[in-house]
N, C-alpha and C. Protein backbone atom coordinates (compact mmCIF):
# COMPACT_ATOMS: atom_id res chain seq x y z
N MET A 1 0.79 -1.20 0.02
CA MET A 1 -0.01 0.01 -0.01
C MET A 1 0.82 1.24 0.01
N LYS A 2 1.99 1.23 0.76
CA LYS A 2 2.86 2.48 0.80
C LYS A 2 3.48 2.75 -0.56
N ALA A 3 3.80 1.68 -1.29
CA ALA A 3 4.40 1.88 -2.61
C ALA A 3 3.34 2.60 -3.55
N ARG A 4 2.15 2.15 -3.46
CA ARG A 4 1.03 2.64 -4.32
C ARG A 4 0.80 4.13 -3.89
N TYR A 5 0.77 4.39 -2.61
CA TYR A 5 0.55 5.80 -2.11
C TYR A 5 1.62 6.65 -2.57
N TYR A 6 2.90 6.17 -2.48
CA TYR A 6 4.07 6.99 -2.92
C TYR A 6 3.97 7.26 -4.45
N LYS A 7 3.64 6.28 -5.23
CA LYS A 7 3.55 6.50 -6.68
C LYS A 7 2.41 7.45 -7.08
N LEU A 8 1.30 7.37 -6.28
CA LEU A 8 0.20 8.33 -6.50
C LEU A 8 0.63 9.73 -6.11
N THR A 9 1.35 9.90 -5.05
CA THR A 9 1.77 11.28 -4.69
C THR A 9 2.74 11.81 -5.73
N GLU A 10 3.60 10.93 -6.27
CA GLU A 10 4.50 11.39 -7.35
C GLU A 10 3.70 11.80 -8.58
N LEU A 11 2.75 11.02 -8.90
CA LEU A 11 1.96 11.30 -10.12
C LEU A 11 1.19 12.61 -9.91
N HIS A 12 0.66 12.83 -8.67
CA HIS A 12 -0.09 14.05 -8.40
C HIS A 12 0.85 15.31 -8.60
N ALA A 13 2.06 15.19 -8.14
CA ALA A 13 3.00 16.21 -8.25
C ALA A 13 3.38 16.52 -9.72
N LYS A 14 3.60 15.44 -10.47
CA LYS A 14 3.86 15.56 -11.88
C LYS A 14 2.72 16.22 -12.65
N LEU A 15 1.48 15.86 -12.34
CA LEU A 15 0.32 16.44 -12.94
C LEU A 15 0.22 17.91 -12.58
N ASP A 16 0.49 18.25 -11.33
CA ASP A 16 0.50 19.64 -10.90
C ASP A 16 1.48 20.50 -11.70
N THR A 17 2.65 19.95 -11.90
CA THR A 17 3.75 20.62 -12.63
C THR A 17 3.27 20.81 -14.07
N ALA A 18 2.75 19.82 -14.70
CA ALA A 18 2.27 19.91 -16.07
C ALA A 18 1.12 20.88 -16.22
N LEU A 19 0.22 20.86 -15.21
CA LEU A 19 -0.85 21.78 -15.28
C LEU A 19 -0.42 23.24 -15.13
N ARG A 20 0.49 23.49 -14.23
CA ARG A 20 1.06 24.83 -14.10
C ARG A 20 1.73 25.28 -15.42
N ARG A 21 2.56 24.42 -16.01
CA ARG A 21 3.24 24.70 -17.22
C ARG A 21 2.24 25.03 -18.31
N GLU A 22 1.20 24.24 -18.45
CA GLU A 22 0.24 24.47 -19.52
C GLU A 22 -0.53 25.80 -19.31
N ILE A 23 -0.97 26.06 -18.04
CA ILE A 23 -1.70 27.34 -17.77
C ILE A 23 -0.77 28.54 -18.04
N ASN A 24 0.49 28.42 -17.79
CA ASN A 24 1.38 29.60 -18.04
C ASN A 24 1.91 29.64 -19.44
N ALA A 25 1.55 28.78 -20.27
CA ALA A 25 2.01 28.80 -21.65
C ALA A 25 1.41 30.06 -22.36
N ARG A 26 2.08 30.48 -23.47
CA ARG A 26 1.59 31.62 -24.17
C ARG A 26 0.12 31.47 -24.64
N ALA A 27 -0.12 30.24 -25.16
CA ALA A 27 -1.50 29.92 -25.68
C ALA A 27 -1.85 28.59 -25.09
N PRO A 28 -2.41 28.60 -23.86
CA PRO A 28 -2.75 27.27 -23.13
C PRO A 28 -3.86 26.58 -23.88
N ASP A 29 -3.73 25.32 -24.01
CA ASP A 29 -4.76 24.44 -24.62
C ASP A 29 -5.77 24.17 -23.50
N GLN A 30 -6.94 24.74 -23.59
CA GLN A 30 -7.97 24.61 -22.56
C GLN A 30 -8.43 23.10 -22.42
N PHE A 31 -8.44 22.34 -23.47
CA PHE A 31 -8.77 20.96 -23.34
C PHE A 31 -7.73 20.16 -22.53
N ARG A 32 -6.50 20.49 -22.84
CA ARG A 32 -5.43 19.79 -22.05
C ARG A 32 -5.49 20.23 -20.61
N VAL A 33 -5.74 21.52 -20.28
CA VAL A 33 -5.94 21.95 -18.91
C VAL A 33 -7.02 21.17 -18.24
N MET A 34 -8.17 21.11 -18.89
CA MET A 34 -9.27 20.37 -18.29
C MET A 34 -8.96 18.88 -18.01
N ALA A 35 -8.29 18.31 -19.03
CA ALA A 35 -7.86 16.92 -18.86
C ALA A 35 -6.88 16.69 -17.72
N LEU A 36 -5.94 17.64 -17.56
CA LEU A 36 -5.00 17.52 -16.46
C LEU A 36 -5.68 17.70 -15.17
N LYS A 37 -6.63 18.65 -15.14
CA LYS A 37 -7.34 18.87 -13.87
C LYS A 37 -8.19 17.68 -13.46
N ARG A 38 -8.75 16.98 -14.42
CA ARG A 38 -9.54 15.75 -14.13
C ARG A 38 -8.69 14.72 -13.65
N ARG A 39 -7.56 14.44 -14.31
CA ARG A 39 -6.66 13.39 -13.86
C ARG A 39 -6.06 13.66 -12.47
N LYS A 40 -5.76 14.95 -12.18
CA LYS A 40 -5.21 15.31 -10.89
C LYS A 40 -6.23 15.01 -9.77
N LEU A 41 -7.45 15.44 -10.05
CA LEU A 41 -8.64 15.20 -9.14
C LEU A 41 -8.73 13.74 -8.88
N ARG A 42 -8.73 12.93 -9.93
CA ARG A 42 -8.90 11.47 -9.82
C ARG A 42 -7.78 10.90 -8.89
N VAL A 43 -6.57 11.34 -9.14
CA VAL A 43 -5.45 10.85 -8.27
C VAL A 43 -5.69 11.31 -6.81
N LYS A 44 -6.10 12.54 -6.64
CA LYS A 44 -6.41 13.04 -5.28
C LYS A 44 -7.46 12.19 -4.60
N ASP A 45 -8.47 11.87 -5.30
CA ASP A 45 -9.52 10.96 -4.76
C ASP A 45 -8.96 9.60 -4.34
N LEU A 46 -8.09 9.03 -5.15
CA LEU A 46 -7.49 7.75 -4.85
C LEU A 46 -6.60 7.88 -3.64
N LEU A 47 -5.90 8.96 -3.56
CA LEU A 47 -5.02 9.17 -2.36
C LEU A 47 -5.91 9.34 -1.15
N ALA A 48 -7.04 9.99 -1.23
CA ALA A 48 -7.93 10.15 -0.06
C ALA A 48 -8.46 8.79 0.40
N ARG A 49 -8.69 7.90 -0.53
CA ARG A 49 -9.19 6.51 -0.22
C ARG A 49 -8.13 5.77 0.52
N LEU A 50 -6.95 5.99 0.18
CA LEU A 50 -5.77 5.21 0.84
C LEU A 50 -5.35 5.80 2.15
N THR A 51 -5.62 7.04 2.40
CA THR A 51 -5.24 7.69 3.61
C THR A 51 -6.10 7.22 4.78
N PRO A 52 -5.46 6.74 5.83
CA PRO A 52 -6.23 6.31 6.98
C PRO A 52 -7.08 7.46 7.55
N ARG A 53 -8.32 7.18 7.85
CA ARG A 53 -9.23 8.21 8.35
C ARG A 53 -9.01 8.48 9.83
N ALA A 54 -9.07 9.64 10.22
CA ALA A 54 -9.02 10.02 11.65
C ALA A 54 -10.35 9.56 12.28
N LEU A 55 -10.49 9.89 13.52
CA LEU A 55 -11.72 9.49 14.23
C LEU A 55 -12.95 9.96 13.42
N SER A 56 -13.77 8.99 13.06
CA SER A 56 -15.02 9.42 12.43
C SER A 56 -16.15 9.38 13.37
N ALA A 57 -16.82 10.54 13.52
CA ALA A 57 -17.86 10.58 14.45
C ALA A 57 -19.28 10.46 13.87
């Protein structure tokens, strides 16, 4: 599980870098921006599932 979590955090960081680069481009491709945001959000959701939950009330 830790290896998967680590890989997902790496992927999230890479997607964040790619997203920033695309947004700051002279002519950003809005479809690529949307696709990167979707992928990043999906990875974030997967990370949230793997993260142990604190006390749930």
